[in-house]
Amino acid sequence: MTSPTPTGRAATPRPDDIRLVVVDLDGTLLDGGGEMPGETVATIRALRERGVAFAPASGRQHATIARLFSEVENGLVVIAENGAYVTRDGAEVSSHTLDLDWSRSVIERTRHLESRGVDLGVVLCGRSSAWIERTDEVFLAEVERYYARLSTTDDLTHVDDEVLKLAVHDFGDPTALTGPDLAAFCAPQQVVVSGHHWVDVMGVGVHKGLAVRDLQRALGITAAQTMAFGDYLNDLEMLGAAEHSYAMANAHPTVLRAARHVAPANTEDGVLRTLREIFDL
């Protein structure tokens, strides 16, 4: 067990012990405008020179994450769809899909919520593409931030694709009705509030933590050799899968309590500052 620091947190990890760095994107690595800090690519390359894999982990689509990190795509590890799809250098490490007929029943449930006055839109996150039926500019502006490969359809229940995740955007507060309603309807499947307006529906036990463990097995490493950075509730299991867990200073209070360390806020380049300090880059 690592010894506590004067602040009560765990001791700083030794760089020679680390083989994997897992980093959430929105609210963690990306800045306040949703952009990647300028030194990110150089930092990833420097880590690789030391034998350390860098893995972006996000609720975003795989194609979107791969595009964001295109300059370092060779050898890139990606945790996409909140852990439902993991790749290494473009090859699948693991995937966890939902039953298609059951997914259609969840879509029908969201229509019931809409009939009760909830302003929402649904993304069916398939292996071949993300699918939407709502196409107004306000919803598209939200969806296109996260889904580079996007298709439209007149009816989501007619889509024939392997379903990795269902993402529901609630323009109000998703914790008020949408999240609890879907959690009750979908049980025992995994339902998590993944952002200030997003609710994700995934398979039982599917989350970023499962993806990290899948990746650790593929790389032949342990939790003790893993660092993880996150800020929101869908990062909790991921932080739990890494012995060296970091909550951003701007993180949700539950995440701050769960992590062993606190990094500066994403608006202060907290991830890169922490990595540069620990690895003396």
Protein backbone atom coordinates (compact mmCIF):
# COMPACT_ATOMS: atom_id res chain seq x y z
CA MET A 1 0.00 0.00 0.00
CA THR A 2 1.37 3.39 -0.94
CA SER A 3 2.24 5.69 1.91
CA PRO A 4 0.15 8.81 2.45
CA THR A 5 1.45 12.27 1.70
CA PRO A 6 0.96 15.16 4.16
CA THR A 7 -2.29 15.98 2.31
CA GLY A 8 -3.64 12.50 3.00
CA ARG A 9 -3.34 11.42 -0.62
CA ALA A 10 -1.27 8.49 -1.91
CA ALA A 11 2.39 8.98 -2.72
CA THR A 12 3.37 10.10 -6.22
CA PRO A 13 3.92 7.13 -8.56
CA ARG A 14 7.44 6.28 -9.66
CA PRO A 15 7.77 6.77 -13.44
CA ASP A 16 9.72 3.53 -13.97
CA ASP A 17 6.73 1.59 -12.59
CA ILE A 18 4.13 2.99 -15.01
CA ARG A 19 3.28 1.26 -18.31
CA LEU A 20 -0.18 2.65 -19.10
CA VAL A 21 -1.74 6.11 -18.81
CA VAL A 22 -5.53 6.24 -19.32
CA VAL A 23 -7.09 9.68 -19.78
CA ASP A 24 -10.70 10.80 -20.08
CA LEU A 25 -11.23 13.56 -22.63
CA ASP A 26 -14.03 16.07 -21.92
CA GLY A 27 -13.41 17.89 -18.67
CA THR A 28 -10.09 16.10 -18.21
CA LEU A 29 -7.55 16.27 -21.06
CA LEU A 30 -9.42 18.70 -23.31
CA ASP A 31 -9.44 22.37 -22.34
CA GLY A 32 -12.45 24.50 -21.48
CA GLY A 33 -13.26 24.91 -25.18
CA GLY A 34 -13.11 21.19 -25.85
CA GLU A 35 -9.75 21.47 -27.63
CA MET A 36 -6.65 19.34 -27.15
CA PRO A 37 -3.73 21.16 -25.47
CA GLY A 38 -0.88 21.92 -27.83
CA GLU A 39 1.70 19.72 -26.08
CA THR A 40 -0.45 16.58 -26.09
CA VAL A 41 1.13 14.89 -29.12
CA ALA A 42 4.67 15.64 -27.93
CA THR A 43 3.80 14.25 -24.49
CA ILE A 44 2.38 11.03 -25.95
CA ARG A 45 5.50 10.54 -28.06
CA ALA A 46 7.75 11.14 -25.07
CA LEU A 47 5.80 8.59 -23.02
CA ARG A 48 6.10 6.02 -25.79
CA GLU A 49 9.86 6.47 -25.84
CA ARG A 50 9.78 5.36 -22.21
CA GLY A 51 7.61 2.32 -22.99
CA VAL A 52 4.40 3.87 -21.65
CA ALA A 53 1.14 3.40 -23.59
CA PHE A 54 -1.29 6.32 -23.72
CA ALA A 55 -5.01 5.53 -23.93
CA PRO A 56 -7.72 8.16 -24.43
CA ALA A 57 -10.91 6.90 -22.78
CA SER A 58 -14.21 8.51 -23.66
CA GLY A 59 -17.89 8.11 -24.32
CA ARG A 60 -17.06 9.39 -27.80
CA GLN A 61 -17.14 7.19 -30.88
CA HIS A 62 -13.97 5.34 -31.86
CA ALA A 63 -13.75 7.19 -35.20
CA THR A 64 -13.94 10.55 -33.41
CA ILE A 65 -11.17 9.68 -30.95
CA ALA A 66 -8.96 8.24 -33.69
CA ARG A 67 -9.37 11.45 -35.72
CA LEU A 68 -8.45 13.57 -32.70
CA PHE A 69 -5.22 11.60 -32.19
CA SER A 70 -4.41 11.03 -35.88
CA GLU A 71 -0.84 12.35 -35.48
CA VAL A 72 -0.02 9.47 -33.13
CA GLU A 73 -2.40 6.84 -34.52
CA ASN A 74 0.29 4.17 -35.00
CA GLY A 75 0.32 2.23 -31.74
CA LEU A 76 -2.55 4.24 -30.28
CA VAL A 77 -4.75 2.55 -27.69
CA VAL A 78 -8.39 3.73 -27.67
CA ILE A 79 -11.18 3.16 -25.15
CA ALA A 80 -14.36 4.29 -26.91
CA GLU A 81 -18.10 4.33 -26.17
CA ASN A 82 -17.46 4.50 -22.40
CA GLY A 83 -15.65 1.17 -22.47
CA ALA A 84 -17.83 -0.80 -24.89
CA TYR A 85 -15.14 -0.82 -27.60
CA VAL A 86 -11.35 -1.02 -27.12
CA THR A 87 -8.66 -1.10 -29.80
CA ARG A 88 -4.89 -1.21 -29.95
CA ASP A 89 -3.18 0.05 -33.11
CA GLY A 90 -6.53 -0.24 -34.91
CA ALA A 91 -7.14 -3.88 -33.93
CA GLU A 92 -9.99 -4.77 -31.59
CA VAL A 93 -9.01 -5.69 -28.05
CA SER A 94 -12.57 -6.09 -26.75
CA SER A 95 -16.16 -5.13 -27.51
CA HIS A 96 -19.39 -5.50 -25.57
CA THR A 97 -22.65 -5.17 -27.49
CA LEU A 98 -26.33 -4.85 -26.63
CA ASP A 99 -29.12 -7.06 -27.95
CA LEU A 100 -30.66 -5.30 -30.95
CA ASP A 101 -34.29 -6.04 -30.14
CA TRP A 102 -33.79 -4.94 -26.53
CA SER A 103 -32.12 -1.75 -27.75
CA ARG A 104 -35.20 -1.01 -29.80
CA SER A 105 -37.34 -1.33 -26.68
CA VAL A 106 -35.16 1.30 -24.95
CA ILE A 107 -35.63 3.63 -27.91
CA GLU A 108 -39.39 3.19 -27.53
CA ARG A 109 -39.01 4.06 -23.85
CA THR A 110 -37.28 7.32 -24.72
CA ARG A 111 -40.24 8.15 -26.96
CA HIS A 112 -42.46 7.66 -23.92
CA LEU A 113 -40.30 10.20 -22.06
CA GLU A 114 -40.67 12.62 -24.97
CA SER A 115 -44.45 12.23 -24.77
CA ARG A 116 -44.15 13.40 -21.15
CA GLY A 117 -42.46 16.60 -22.28
CA VAL A 118 -38.78 15.67 -21.94
CA ASP A 119 -36.67 17.34 -24.64
CA LEU A 120 -34.21 14.64 -25.69
CA GLY A 121 -32.48 12.99 -28.62
CA VAL A 122 -31.11 9.47 -29.00
CA VAL A 123 -27.92 8.22 -30.62
CA LEU A 124 -27.70 4.52 -31.46
CA CYS A 125 -23.96 3.89 -31.30
CA GLY A 126 -23.34 1.05 -33.74
CA ARG A 127 -20.18 -0.69 -34.78
CA SER A 128 -20.46 0.65 -38.35
CA SER A 129 -21.81 4.12 -37.51
CA ALA A 130 -23.65 6.25 -35.01
CA TRP A 131 -27.33 6.65 -35.95
CA ILE A 132 -29.83 9.43 -35.25
CA GLU A 133 -33.40 10.21 -36.28
CA ARG A 134 -33.59 13.70 -34.78
CA THR A 135 -31.86 16.14 -37.13
CA ASP A 136 -32.60 19.69 -35.96
CA GLU A 137 -29.61 22.03 -35.75
CA VAL A 138 -29.61 22.22 -31.96
CA PHE A 139 -29.34 18.44 -31.53
CA LEU A 140 -26.89 18.04 -34.41
CA ALA A 141 -24.60 20.61 -32.81
CA GLU A 142 -24.37 18.41 -29.72
CA VAL A 143 -24.02 15.10 -31.56
CA GLU A 144 -21.43 16.13 -34.13
CA ARG A 145 -18.99 17.02 -31.34
CA TYR A 146 -18.73 13.34 -30.42
CA TYR A 147 -19.56 11.31 -33.53
CA ALA A 148 -17.39 11.67 -36.63
CA ARG A 149 -19.15 8.78 -38.37
CA LEU A 150 -22.83 9.69 -38.27
CA SER A 151 -25.83 8.43 -40.24
CA THR A 152 -29.47 9.51 -40.21
CA THR A 153 -32.56 7.35 -40.42
CA ASP A 154 -36.30 7.94 -40.35
CA ASP A 155 -36.69 5.42 -37.52
CA LEU A 156 -33.99 4.24 -35.11
CA THR A 157 -35.90 1.04 -34.39
CA HIS A 158 -35.30 0.01 -38.03
CA VAL A 159 -31.49 0.28 -37.83
CA ASP A 160 -29.69 -3.03 -38.32
CA ASP A 161 -26.26 -2.67 -36.72
CA GLU A 162 -24.32 -4.10 -33.79
CA VAL A 163 -25.19 -1.83 -30.88
CA LEU A 164 -22.29 -0.80 -28.63
CA LYS A 165 -24.23 1.81 -26.65
CA LEU A 166 -27.30 4.01 -26.62
CA ALA A 167 -26.60 7.66 -25.80
CA VAL A 168 -29.47 9.93 -24.76
CA HIS A 169 -29.04 13.69 -24.75
CA ASP A 170 -31.43 15.42 -22.34
CA PHE A 171 -31.50 19.18 -22.91
CA GLY A 172 -32.60 19.60 -19.30
CA ASP A 173 -31.25 17.85 -16.21
CA PRO A 174 -30.79 14.13 -16.99
CA THR A 175 -30.74 13.26 -13.28
CA ALA A 176 -34.28 14.58 -12.81
CA LEU A 177 -36.22 12.08 -14.92
CA THR A 178 -34.39 10.57 -17.89
CA GLY A 179 -31.57 8.94 -15.92
CA PRO A 180 -33.72 7.40 -13.15
CA ASP A 181 -36.43 6.30 -15.59
CA LEU A 182 -33.98 4.56 -17.92
CA ALA A 183 -32.10 3.01 -15.00
CA ALA A 184 -35.32 1.42 -13.76
CA PHE A 185 -36.45 0.36 -17.24
CA CYS A 186 -33.06 -1.02 -18.33
CA ALA A 187 -32.07 -2.89 -15.15
CA PRO A 188 -29.85 -4.85 -14.86
CA GLN A 189 -28.14 -3.20 -17.85
CA GLN A 190 -25.71 -0.36 -17.14
CA VAL A 191 -27.13 3.18 -17.17
CA VAL A 192 -24.82 6.07 -16.30
CA VAL A 193 -25.04 9.84 -16.41
CA SER A 194 -21.93 10.49 -18.50
CA GLY A 195 -22.10 14.28 -18.75
CA HIS A 196 -24.16 17.27 -17.75
CA HIS A 197 -26.76 16.35 -20.40
CA TRP A 198 -25.90 12.79 -21.46
CA VAL A 199 -27.13 9.40 -20.25
CA ASP A 200 -25.47 6.24 -21.63
CA VAL A 201 -27.05 2.78 -21.76
CA MET A 202 -24.61 -0.15 -21.99
CA GLY A 203 -24.45 -3.84 -21.16
CA VAL A 204 -24.26 -5.25 -17.65
CA GLY A 205 -20.91 -4.38 -16.09
CA VAL A 206 -19.73 -2.45 -19.16
CA HIS A 207 -17.85 0.73 -18.25
CA LYS A 208 -14.42 2.28 -18.61
CA GLY A 209 -13.12 0.19 -15.72
CA LEU A 210 -13.91 -3.04 -17.57
CA ALA A 211 -12.16 -1.64 -20.64
CA VAL A 212 -9.05 -0.79 -18.61
CA ARG A 213 -8.92 -4.34 -17.24
CA ASP A 214 -9.35 -5.73 -20.77
CA LEU A 215 -6.47 -3.55 -21.85
CA GLN A 216 -4.29 -4.50 -18.90
CA ARG A 217 -4.70 -8.18 -19.79
CA ALA A 218 -3.86 -7.47 -23.44
CA LEU A 219 -0.73 -5.52 -22.47
CA GLY A 220 0.30 -7.92 -19.71
CA ILE A 221 0.34 -5.25 -17.02
CA THR A 222 -1.34 -4.63 -13.67
CA ALA A 223 -3.33 -1.92 -11.91
CA ALA A 224 -0.11 -0.98 -10.08
CA GLN A 225 1.42 -0.08 -13.46
CA THR A 226 -1.56 2.07 -14.50
CA MET A 227 -2.33 5.78 -14.11
CA ALA A 228 -5.82 7.14 -14.83
CA PHE A 229 -7.26 10.66 -15.00
CA GLY A 230 -10.97 11.52 -14.88
CA ASP A 231 -13.53 14.11 -13.82
CA TYR A 232 -17.05 12.69 -14.00
CA LEU A 233 -19.21 9.84 -12.72
CA ASN A 234 -18.60 7.61 -15.74
CA ASP A 235 -14.88 7.68 -14.82
CA LEU A 236 -15.29 6.11 -11.36
CA GLU A 237 -14.74 2.48 -12.39
CA MET A 238 -11.80 3.51 -14.58
CA LEU A 239 -10.14 5.22 -11.63
CA GLY A 240 -10.82 2.14 -9.54
CA ALA A 241 -8.96 -0.02 -12.08
CA ALA A 242 -5.78 2.05 -11.71
CA GLU A 243 -3.67 2.13 -8.57
CA HIS A 244 -2.55 5.66 -9.48
CA SER A 245 -5.87 7.48 -9.93
CA TYR A 246 -6.20 11.23 -10.48
CA ALA A 247 -9.31 13.39 -10.23
CA MET A 248 -9.14 16.77 -11.89
CA ALA A 249 -9.48 19.72 -9.53
CA ASN A 250 -12.74 20.57 -11.33
CA ALA A 251 -14.08 17.01 -10.98
CA HIS A 252 -17.45 15.94 -9.60
CA PRO A 253 -17.27 15.73 -5.77
CA THR A 254 -17.80 11.95 -5.84
CA VAL A 255 -14.84 11.56 -8.20
CA LEU A 256 -12.65 13.77 -6.02
CA ARG A 257 -13.41 11.53 -3.05
CA ALA A 258 -12.72 8.34 -5.00
CA ALA A 259 -9.35 9.25 -6.53
CA ARG A 260 -6.01 8.90 -4.77
CA HIS A 261 -4.62 12.14 -6.22
CA VAL A 262 -5.88 15.50 -7.45
CA ALA A 263 -4.50 17.06 -10.66
CA PRO A 264 -4.92 20.70 -11.69
CA ALA A 265 -8.13 21.48 -13.59
CA ASN A 266 -8.47 20.70 -17.29
CA THR A 267 -8.53 24.45 -17.92
CA GLU A 268 -5.00 24.56 -16.51
CA ASP A 269 -3.64 21.66 -18.63
CA GLY A 270 -3.78 19.49 -15.50
CA VAL A 271 -3.14 16.13 -17.19
CA LEU A 272 -0.10 17.27 -19.16
CA ARG A 273 1.33 19.23 -16.25
CA THR A 274 1.06 16.17 -14.01
CA LEU A 275 2.61 13.82 -16.59
CA ARG A 276 5.47 16.22 -17.32
CA GLU A 277 6.21 16.51 -13.62
CA ILE A 278 6.08 12.79 -12.84
CA PHE A 279 8.03 11.67 -15.91
CA ASP A 280 10.34 14.71 -15.90
CA LEU A 281 9.50 15.50 -19.53
